[in-house]
Every structure is written in C-alpha cells, then in structure tokens.
PDB file of N, CA and C in Angstrom:
ATOM      1  N   MET A   1     -45.892 214.712  32.906  1.00  0.00           N
ATOM      2  CA  MET A   1     -46.844 215.788  33.126  1.00  0.00           C
ATOM      3  C   MET A   1     -48.254 215.202  33.106  1.00  0.00           C
ATOM      4  N   VAL A   2     -49.038 215.560  34.082  1.00  0.00           N
ATOM      5  CA  VAL A   2     -50.416 215.094  34.171  1.00  0.00           C
ATOM      6  C   VAL A   2     -51.317 216.070  33.423  1.00  0.00           C
ATOM      7  N   ARG A   3     -52.225 215.537  32.656  1.00  0.00           N
ATOM      8  CA  ARG A   3     -53.197 216.371  31.951  1.00  0.00           C
ATOM      9  C   ARG A   3     -54.587 215.929  32.364  1.00  0.00           C
ATOM     10  N   LEU A   4     -55.417 216.877  32.718  1.00  0.00           N
ATOM     11  CA  LEU A   4     -56.794 216.589  33.098  1.00  0.00           C
ATOM     12  C   LEU A   4     -57.733 217.221  32.084  1.00  0.00           C
ATOM     13  N   ARG A   5     -58.762 216.509  31.762  1.00  0.00           N
ATOM     14  CA  ARG A   5     -59.771 217.020  30.840  1.00  0.00           C
ATOM     15  C   ARG A   5     -60.869 217.645  31.683  1.00  0.00           C
ATOM     16  N   LEU A   6     -61.113 218.942  31.502  1.00  0.00           N
ATOM     17  CA  LEU A   6     -62.123 219.663  32.262  1.00  0.00           C
ATOM     18  C   LEU A   6     -63.183 220.191  31.308  1.00  0.00           C
ATOM     19  N   LYS A   7     -64.425 220.136  31.735  1.00  0.00           N
ATOM     20  CA  LYS A   7     -65.523 220.635  30.918  1.00  0.00           C
ATOM     21  C   LYS A   7     -65.734 222.122  31.208  1.00  0.00           C
ATOM     22  N   VAL A   8     -65.928 222.889  30.154  1.00  0.00           N
ATOM     23  CA  VAL A   8     -66.162 224.323  30.279  1.00  0.00           C
ATOM     24  C   VAL A   8     -67.669 224.563  30.310  1.00  0.00           C
ATOM     25  N   GLY A   9     -68.118 225.293  31.319  1.00  0.00           N
ATOM     26  CA  GLY A   9     -69.538 225.589  31.481  1.00  0.00           C
ATOM     27  C   GLY A   9     -70.004 226.691  30.547  1.00  0.00           C
ATOM     28  N   PRO A  10     -71.312 227.010  30.575  1.00  0.00           N
ATOM     29  CA  PRO A  10     -71.877 227.990  29.642  1.00  0.00           C
ATOM     30  C   PRO A  10     -71.310 229.402  29.794  1.00  0.00           C
ATOM     31  N   LYS A  11     -70.782 229.741  30.962  1.00  0.00           N
ATOM     32  CA  LYS A  11     -70.206 231.071  31.171  1.00  0.00           C
ATOM     33  C   LYS A  11     -68.677 231.036  31.115  1.00  0.00           C
ATOM     34  N   GLY A  12     -68.118 229.960  30.571  1.00  0.00           N
ATOM     35  CA  GLY A  12     -66.676 229.832  30.464  1.00  0.00           C
ATOM     36  C   GLY A  12     -66.015 229.350  31.747  1.00  0.00           C
ATOM     37  N   GLN A  13     -66.811 228.879  32.688  1.00  0.00           N
ATOM     38  CA  GLN A  13     -66.280 228.434  33.972  1.00  0.00           C
ATOM     39  C   GLN A  13     -65.787 226.992  33.897  1.00  0.00           C
ATOM     40  N   ILE A  14     -64.724 226.720  34.682  1.00  0.00           N
ATOM     41  CA  ILE A  14     -64.251 225.355  34.841  1.00  0.00           C
ATOM     42  C   ILE A  14     -64.201 225.055  36.335  1.00  0.00           C
ATOM     43  N   VAL A  15     -64.240 223.782  36.676  1.00  0.00           N
ATOM     44  CA  VAL A  15     -64.091 223.372  38.070  1.00  0.00           C
ATOM     45  C   VAL A  15     -62.693 222.781  38.216  1.00  0.00           C
ATOM     46  N   ILE A  16     -61.910 223.360  39.127  1.00  0.00           N
ATOM     47  CA  ILE A  16     -60.578 222.839  39.395  1.00  0.00           C
ATOM     48  C   ILE A  16     -60.752 221.685  40.374  1.00  0.00           C
ATOM     49  N   PRO A  17     -60.283 220.493  40.034  1.00  0.00           N
ATOM     50  CA  PRO A  17     -60.477 219.329  40.900  1.00  0.00           C
ATOM     51  C   PRO A  17     -59.901 219.552  42.305  1.00  0.00           C
ATOM     52  N   LYS A  18     -60.579 218.973  43.291  1.00  0.00           N
ATOM     53  CA  LYS A  18     -60.223 219.161  44.687  1.00  0.00           C
ATOM     54  C   LYS A  18     -58.752 218.883  44.995  1.00  0.00           C
ATOM     55  N   PRO A  19     -58.168 217.776  44.516  1.00  0.00           N
ATOM     56  CA  PRO A  19     -56.749 217.544  44.833  1.00  0.00           C
ATOM     57  C   PRO A  19     -55.837 218.680  44.362  1.00  0.00           C
ATOM     58  N   LEU A  20     -56.150 219.275  43.221  1.00  0.00           N
ATOM     59  CA  LEU A  20     -55.352 220.400  42.731  1.00  0.00           C
ATOM     60  C   LEU A  20     -55.589 221.650  43.565  1.00  0.00           C
ATOM     61  N   ARG A  21     -56.852 221.908  43.929  1.00  0.00           N
ATOM     62  CA  ARG A  21     -57.145 223.072  44.784  1.00  0.00           C
ATOM     63  C   ARG A  21     -56.394 222.968  46.100  1.00  0.00           C
ATOM     64  N   GLU A  22     -56.413 221.782  46.706  1.00  0.00           N
ATOM     65  CA  GLU A  22     -55.732 221.587  47.979  1.00  0.00           C
ATOM     66  C   GLU A  22     -54.220 221.716  47.831  1.00  0.00           C
ATOM     67  N   ALA A  23     -53.677 221.146  46.773  1.00  0.00           N
ATOM     68  CA  ALA A  23     -52.227 221.175  46.566  1.00  0.00           C
ATOM     69  C   ALA A  23     -51.697 222.587  46.340  1.00  0.00           C
ATOM     70  N   TYR A  24     -52.506 223.442  45.725  1.00  0.00           N
ATOM     71  CA  TYR A  24     -52.038 224.780  45.375  1.00  0.00           C
ATOM     72  C   TYR A  24     -52.703 225.887  46.183  1.00  0.00           C
ATOM     73  N   GLY A  25     -53.398 225.515  47.248  1.00  0.00           N
ATOM     74  CA  GLY A  25     -53.963 226.516  48.156  1.00  0.00           C
ATOM     75  C   GLY A  25     -55.064 227.367  47.564  1.00  0.00           C
ATOM     76  N   ILE A  26     -55.840 226.798  46.664  1.00  0.00           N
ATOM     77  CA  ILE A  26     -56.949 227.533  46.055  1.00  0.00           C
ATOM     78  C   ILE A  26     -58.201 227.226  46.865  1.00  0.00           C
ATOM     79  N   ARG A  27     -58.765 228.267  47.470  1.00  0.00           N
ATOM     80  CA  ARG A  27     -59.913 228.081  48.356  1.00  0.00           C
ATOM     81  C   ARG A  27     -61.132 228.851  47.843  1.00  0.00           C
ATOM     82  N   GLU A  28     -62.304 228.403  48.267  1.00  0.00           N
ATOM     83  CA  GLU A  28     -63.542 229.094  47.895  1.00  0.00           C
ATOM     84  C   GLU A  28     -63.459 230.547  48.329  1.00  0.00           C
ATOM     85  N   GLY A  29     -63.804 231.443  47.441  1.00  0.00           N
ATOM     86  CA  GLY A  29     -63.742 232.873  47.730  1.00  0.00           C
ATOM     87  C   GLY A  29     -62.348 233.451  47.552  1.00  0.00           C
ATOM     88  N   GLY A  30     -61.366 232.591  47.280  1.00  0.00           N
ATOM     89  CA  GLY A  30     -59.999 233.048  47.084  1.00  0.00           C
ATOM     90  C   GLY A  30     -59.809 233.640  45.705  1.00  0.00           C
ATOM     91  N   VAL A  31     -58.581 233.968  45.403  1.00  0.00           N
ATOM     92  CA  VAL A  31     -58.242 234.607  44.132  1.00  0.00           C
ATOM     93  C   VAL A  31     -57.209 233.755  43.410  1.00  0.00           C
ATOM     94  N   VAL A  32     -57.296 233.692  42.097  1.00  0.00           N
ATOM     95  CA  VAL A  32     -56.276 233.057  41.266  1.00  0.00           C
ATOM     96  C   VAL A  32     -55.876 234.043  40.179  1.00  0.00           C
ATOM     97  N   PHE A  33     -54.681 233.851  39.652  1.00  0.00           N
ATOM     98  CA  PHE A  33     -54.240 234.616  38.498  1.00  0.00           C
ATOM     99  C   PHE A  33     -54.429 233.759  37.264  1.00  0.00           C
ATOM    100  N   ALA A  34     -54.890 234.348  36.177  1.00  0.00           N
ATOM    101  CA  ALA A  34     -54.960 233.682  34.881  1.00  0.00           C
ATOM    102  C   ALA A  34     -53.996 234.428  33.967  1.00  0.00           C
ATOM    103  N   GLU A  35     -52.973 233.716  33.496  1.00  0.00           N
ATOM    104  CA  GLU A  35     -51.929 234.333  32.682  1.00  0.00           C
ATOM    105  C   GLU A  35     -51.917 233.711  31.296  1.00  0.00           C
ATOM    106  N   PRO A  36     -52.179 234.525  30.268  1.00  0.00           N
ATOM    107  CA  PRO A  36     -52.137 233.982  28.914  1.00  0.00           C
ATOM    108  C   PRO A  36     -50.708 233.605  28.531  1.00  0.00           C
ATOM    109  N   ARG A  37     -50.576 232.461  27.908  1.00  0.00           N
ATOM    110  CA  ARG A  37     -49.287 231.978  27.416  1.00  0.00           C
ATOM    111  C   ARG A  37     -49.455 231.596  25.959  1.00  0.00           C
ATOM    112  N   GLU A  38     -48.349 231.404  25.257  1.00  0.00           N
ATOM    113  CA  GLU A  38     -48.435 231.021  23.850  1.00  0.00           C
ATOM    114  C   GLU A  38     -49.122 229.676  23.673  1.00  0.00           C
ATOM    115  N   ASP A  39     -48.904 228.762  24.630  1.00  0.00           N
ATOM    116  CA  ASP A  39     -49.448 227.413  24.490  1.00  0.00           C
ATOM    117  C   ASP A  39     -50.692 227.164  25.339  1.00  0.00           C
ATOM    118  N   GLY A  40     -51.276 228.199  25.913  1.00  0.00           N
ATOM    119  CA  GLY A  40     -52.483 228.019  26.720  1.00  0.00           C
ATOM    120  C   GLY A  40     -52.611 229.086  27.787  1.00  0.00           C
ATOM    121  N   VAL A  41     -53.320 228.759  28.863  1.00  0.00           N
ATOM    122  CA  VAL A  41     -53.553 229.688  29.960  1.00  0.00           C
ATOM    123  C   VAL A  41     -53.018 229.056  31.240  1.00  0.00           C
ATOM    124  N   LEU A  42     -52.221 229.804  31.987  1.00  0.00           N
ATOM    125  CA  LEU A  42     -51.714 229.355  33.280  1.00  0.00           C
ATOM    126  C   LEU A  42     -52.645 229.893  34.365  1.00  0.00           C
ATOM    127  N   ILE A  43     -53.185 229.005  35.182  1.00  0.00           N
ATOM    128  CA  ILE A  43     -54.011 229.412  36.319  1.00  0.00           C
ATOM    129  C   ILE A  43     -53.186 229.147  37.564  1.00  0.00           C
ATOM    130  N   GLN A  44     -52.976 230.188  38.361  1.00  0.00           N
ATOM    131  CA  GLN A  44     -52.078 230.100  39.496  1.00  0.00           C
ATOM    132  C   GLN A  44     -52.751 230.631  40.750  1.00  0.00           C
ATOM    133  N   GLY A  45     -52.676 229.835  41.819  1.00  0.00           N
ATOM    134  CA  GLY A  45     -53.228 230.264  43.093  1.00  0.00           C
ATOM    135  C   GLY A  45     -52.415 231.401  43.685  1.00  0.00           C
ATOM    136  N   VAL A  46     -53.073 232.275  44.436  1.00  0.00           N
ATOM    137  CA  VAL A  46     -52.417 233.388  45.100  1.00  0.00           C
ATOM    138  C   VAL A  46     -52.199 232.994  46.548  1.00  0.00           C
ATOM    139  N   LYS A  47     -50.968 233.142  47.017  1.00  0.00           N
ATOM    140  CA  LYS A  47     -50.668 232.770  48.390  1.00  0.00           C
ATOM    141  C   LYS A  47     -51.305 233.751  49.368  1.00  0.00           C
ATOM    142  N   ARG A  48     -51.541 233.252  50.578  1.00  0.00           N
ATOM    143  CA  ARG A  48     -52.071 234.111  51.635  1.00  0.00           C
ATOM    144  C   ARG A  48     -50.996 235.125  52.026  1.00  0.00           C
ATOM    145  N   PRO A  49     -51.411 236.314  52.466  1.00  0.00           N
ATOM    146  CA  PRO A  49     -50.434 237.350  52.823  1.00  0.00           C
ATOM    147  C   PRO A  49     -49.410 236.887  53.858  1.00  0.00           C
ATOM    148  N   ASP A  50     -49.829 236.103  54.857  1.00  0.00           N
ATOM    149  CA  ASP A  50     -48.872 235.658  55.870  1.00  0.00           C
ATOM    150  C   ASP A  50     -47.816 234.726  55.274  1.00  0.00           C
ATOM    151  N   GLU A  51     -48.185 233.939  54.254  1.00  0.00           N
ATOM    152  CA  GLU A  51     -47.211 233.082  53.580  1.00  0.00           C
ATOM    153  C   GLU A  51     -46.213 233.918  52.788  1.00  0.00           C
ATOM    154  N   VAL A  52     -46.693 234.992  52.162  1.00  0.00           N
ATOM    155  CA  VAL A  52     -45.814 235.871  51.391  1.00  0.00           C
ATOM    156  C   VAL A  52     -44.826 236.562  52.323  1.00  0.00           C
ATOM    157  N   VAL A  53     -45.300 237.063  53.470  1.00  0.00           N
ATOM    158  CA  VAL A  53     -44.425 237.727  54.432  1.00  0.00           C
ATOM    159  C   VAL A  53     -43.361 236.756  54.935  1.00  0.00           C
ATOM    160  N   LEU A  54     -43.760 235.529  55.238  1.00  0.00           N
ATOM    161  CA  LEU A  54     -42.809 234.515  55.694  1.00  0.00           C
ATOM    162  C   LEU A  54     -41.760 234.251  54.622  1.00  0.00           C
ATOM    163  N   TRP A  55     -42.178 234.141  53.365  1.00  0.00           N
ATOM    164  CA  TRP A  55     -41.239 233.923  52.263  1.00  0.00           C
ATOM    165  C   TRP A  55     -40.252 235.084  52.149  1.00  0.00           C
ATOM    166  N   ILE A  56     -40.746 236.314  52.269  1.00  0.00           N
ATOM    167  CA  ILE A  56     -39.876 237.492  52.172  1.00  0.00           C
ATOM    168  C   ILE A  56     -38.844 237.467  53.295  1.00  0.00           C
ATOM    169  N   ARG A  57     -39.282 237.165  54.518  1.00  0.00           N
ATOM    170  CA  ARG A  57     -38.349 237.123  55.649  1.00  0.00           C
ATOM    171  C   ARG A  57     -37.292 236.033  55.463  1.00  0.00           C
ATOM    172  N   GLU A  58     -37.708 234.851  54.995  1.00  0.00           N
ATOM    173  CA  GLU A  58     -36.743 233.772  54.756  1.00  0.00           C
ATOM    174  C   GLU A  58     -35.766 234.156  53.647  1.00  0.00           C
ATOM    175  N   ARG A  59     -36.270 234.765  52.606  1.00  0.00           N
ATOM    176  CA  ARG A  59     -35.418 235.188  51.495  1.00  0.00           C
ATOM    177  C   ARG A  59     -34.419 236.242  51.958  1.00  0.00           C
ATOM    178  N   ARG A  60     -34.890 237.208  52.731  1.00  0.00           N
ATOM    179  CA  ARG A  60     -34.014 238.262  53.243  1.00  0.00           C
ATOM    180  C   ARG A  60     -32.897 237.659  54.090  1.00  0.00           C
ATOM    181  N   ARG A  61     -33.257 236.695  54.942  1.00  0.00           N
ATOM    182  CA  ARG A  61     -32.277 236.036  55.802  1.00  0.00           C
ATOM    183  C   ARG A  61     -31.247 235.279  54.949  1.00  0.00           C
ATOM    184  N   SER A  62     -31.708 234.623  53.887  1.00  0.00           N
ATOM    185  CA  SER A  62     -30.804 233.822  53.061  1.00  0.00           C
ATOM    186  C   SER A  62     -29.821 234.679  52.268  1.00  0.00           C
ATOM    187  N   VAL A  63     -30.187 235.920  51.955  1.00  0.00           N
ATOM    188  CA  VAL A  63     -29.276 236.794  51.208  1.00  0.00           C
ATOM    189  C   VAL A  63     -28.572 237.797  52.113  1.00  0.00           C
ATOM    190  N   GLY A  64     -28.820 237.710  53.413  1.00  0.00           N
ATOM    191  CA  GLY A  64     -28.135 238.581  54.367  1.00  0.00           C
ATOM    192  C   GLY A  64     -28.664 239.996  54.416  1.00  0.00           C
ATOM    193  N   GLY A  65     -29.923 240.180  54.047  1.00  0.00           N
ATOM    194  CA  GLY A  65     -30.520 241.518  54.078  1.00  0.00           C
ATOM    195  C   GLY A  65     -30.905 241.934  55.486  1.00  0.00           C
ATOM    196  N   GLU A  66     -31.139 243.220  55.655  1.00  0.00           N
ATOM    197  CA  GLU A  66     -31.533 243.750  56.958  1.00  0.00           C
ATOM    198  C   GLU A  66     -33.029 244.000  56.988  1.00  0.00           C
ATOM    199  N   GLU A  67     -33.585 243.980  58.180  1.00  0.00           N
ATOM    200  CA  GLU A  67     -35.006 244.266  58.388  1.00  0.00           C
ATOM    201  C   GLU A  67     -35.241 245.749  58.127  1.00  0.00           C
ATOM    202  N   GLY A  68     -36.254 246.076  57.343  1.00  0.00           N
ATOM    203  CA  GLY A  68     -36.578 247.468  57.071  1.00  0.00           C
ATOM    204  C   GLY A  68     -37.277 248.119  58.252  1.00  0.00           C
ATOM    205  N   ARG A  69     -37.174 249.421  58.352  1.00  0.00           N
ATOM    206  CA  ARG A  69     -37.807 250.188  59.426  1.00  0.00           C
ATOM    207  C   ARG A  69     -38.827 251.138  58.818  1.00  0.00           C
ATOM    208  N   LEU A  70     -39.949 251.299  59.507  1.00  0.00           N
ATOM    209  CA  LEU A  70     -41.006 252.180  59.037  1.00  0.00           C
ATOM    210  C   LEU A  70     -40.464 253.594  58.858  1.00  0.00           C
ATOM    211  N   GLY A  71     -40.680 254.175  57.714  1.00  0.00           N
ATOM    212  CA  GLY A  71     -40.258 255.541  57.448  1.00  0.00           C
ATOM    213  C   GLY A  71     -38.844 255.678  56.918  1.00  0.00           C
ATOM    214  N   GLU A  72     -38.102 254.586  56.799  1.00  0.00           N
ATOM    215  CA  GLU A  72     -36.721 254.647  56.334  1.00  0.00           C
ATOM    216  C   GLU A  72     -36.585 255.287  54.960  1.00  0.00           C
ATOM    217  N   LEU A  73     -37.556 255.059  54.108  1.00  0.00           N
ATOM    218  CA  LEU A  73     -37.450 255.555  52.735  1.00  0.00           C
ATOM    219  C   LEU A  73     -38.105 256.910  52.532  1.00  0.00           C
ATOM    220  N   ALA A  74     -38.555 257.544  53.614  1.00  0.00           N
ATOM    221  CA  ALA A  74     -39.269 258.807  53.495  1.00  0.00           C
ATOM    222  C   ALA A  74     -38.427 259.879  52.805  1.00  0.00           C
ATOM    223  N   GLU A  75     -37.117 259.876  53.036  1.00  0.00           N
ATOM    224  CA  GLU A  75     -36.242 260.910  52.484  1.00  0.00           C
ATOM    225  C   GLU A  75     -35.479 260.441  51.246  1.00  0.00           C
ATOM    226  N   VAL A  76     -35.775 259.251  50.738  1.00  0.00           N
ATOM    227  CA  VAL A  76     -35.024 258.705  49.613  1.00  0.00           C
ATOM    228  C   VAL A  76     -35.806 258.908  48.319  1.00  0.00           C
ATOM    229  N   ASP A  77     -35.134 259.410  47.305  1.00  0.00           N
ATOM    230  CA  ASP A  77     -35.720 259.541  45.981  1.00  0.00           C
ATOM    231  C   ASP A  77     -35.439 258.229  45.251  1.00  0.00           C
ATOM    232  N   LEU A  78     -36.439 257.356  45.176  1.00  0.00           N
ATOM    233  CA  LEU A  78     -36.228 256.027  44.609  1.00  0.00           C
ATOM    234  C   LEU A  78     -35.847 256.064  43.138  1.00  0.00           C
ATOM    235  N   GLU A  79     -36.338 257.065  42.406  1.00  0.00           N
ATOM    236  CA  GLU A  79     -35.961 257.166  40.998  1.00  0.00           C
ATOM    237  C   GLU A  79     -34.461 257.434  40.866  1.00  0.00           C
ATOM    238  N   GLU A  80     -33.913 258.301  41.728  1.00  0.00           N
ATOM    239  CA  GLU A  80     -32.470 258.571  41.713  1.00  0.00           C
ATOM    240  C   GLU A  80     -31.690 257.368  42.226  1.00  0.00           C
ATOM    241  N   GLU A  81     -32.202 256.736  43.276  1.00  0.00           N
ATOM    242  CA  GLU A  81     -31.519 255.612  43.909  1.00  0.00           C
ATOM    243  C   GLU A  81     -31.298 254.452  42.944  1.00  0.00           C
ATOM    244  N   PHE A  82     -32.290 254.166  42.094  1.00  0.00           N
ATOM    245  CA  PHE A  82     -32.226 253.007  41.221  1.00  0.00           C
ATOM    246  C   PHE A  82     -31.973 253.348  39.761  1.00  0.00           C
ATOM    247  N   ARG A  83     -31.574 254.566  39.487  1.00  0.00           N
ATOM    248  CA  ARG A  83     -31.276 254.963  38.124  1.00  0.00           C
ATOM    249  C   ARG A  83     -30.041 254.216  37.647  1.00  0.00           C
ATOM    250  N   VAL A  84     -30.120 253.672  36.448  1.00  0.00           N
ATOM    251  CA  VAL A  84     -29.002 252.888  35.909  1.00  0.00           C
ATOM    252  C   VAL A  84     -28.214 253.718  34.926  1.00  0.00           C
TER     253      VAL A  84
END
C-alpha cells in the first residue's frame, strides 16, 4: 500500500497529487465523496454519468437483465413489489 504525506492548508484543504487525480478521474470542478471510516477518511472520485450508464448496461447484460422502457413502472407499487 502506498502512503503519501499531504499538507493540510488553513481551511482544511489538501491537494490530491496529479497522478492520483488522473488515475481516479478527479478533475477540476468535479465532485468527490468523502466517507468517514474508523481508520480515517476515504476520498473517492465520482464517475461521469456516461461511465455509470455504460457500467449499468454491461452489468445488466452480464446478469441477463432486460432493457427498461419509459413508463413501465407507472402502474407498479414499488413498496408492494419489494415487500419482504
């Protein structure tokens, strides 16, 4: 595991090194998630919407799911549908 020492600025800001930004798709003006953990804070880049859609389509194909149609769920009571 690689550990980098980063300096915290006066407003609590850190600079994520360029190789890490590039590797994880973190861009200027973009968004990241900060998730508190017991052993520290996880900072995670947010994928672009087109990447998320592509992932969903690939996942659906791999599990044999069908393409959804606009309005298909209009008449479905989701609370009843997924009640355990």
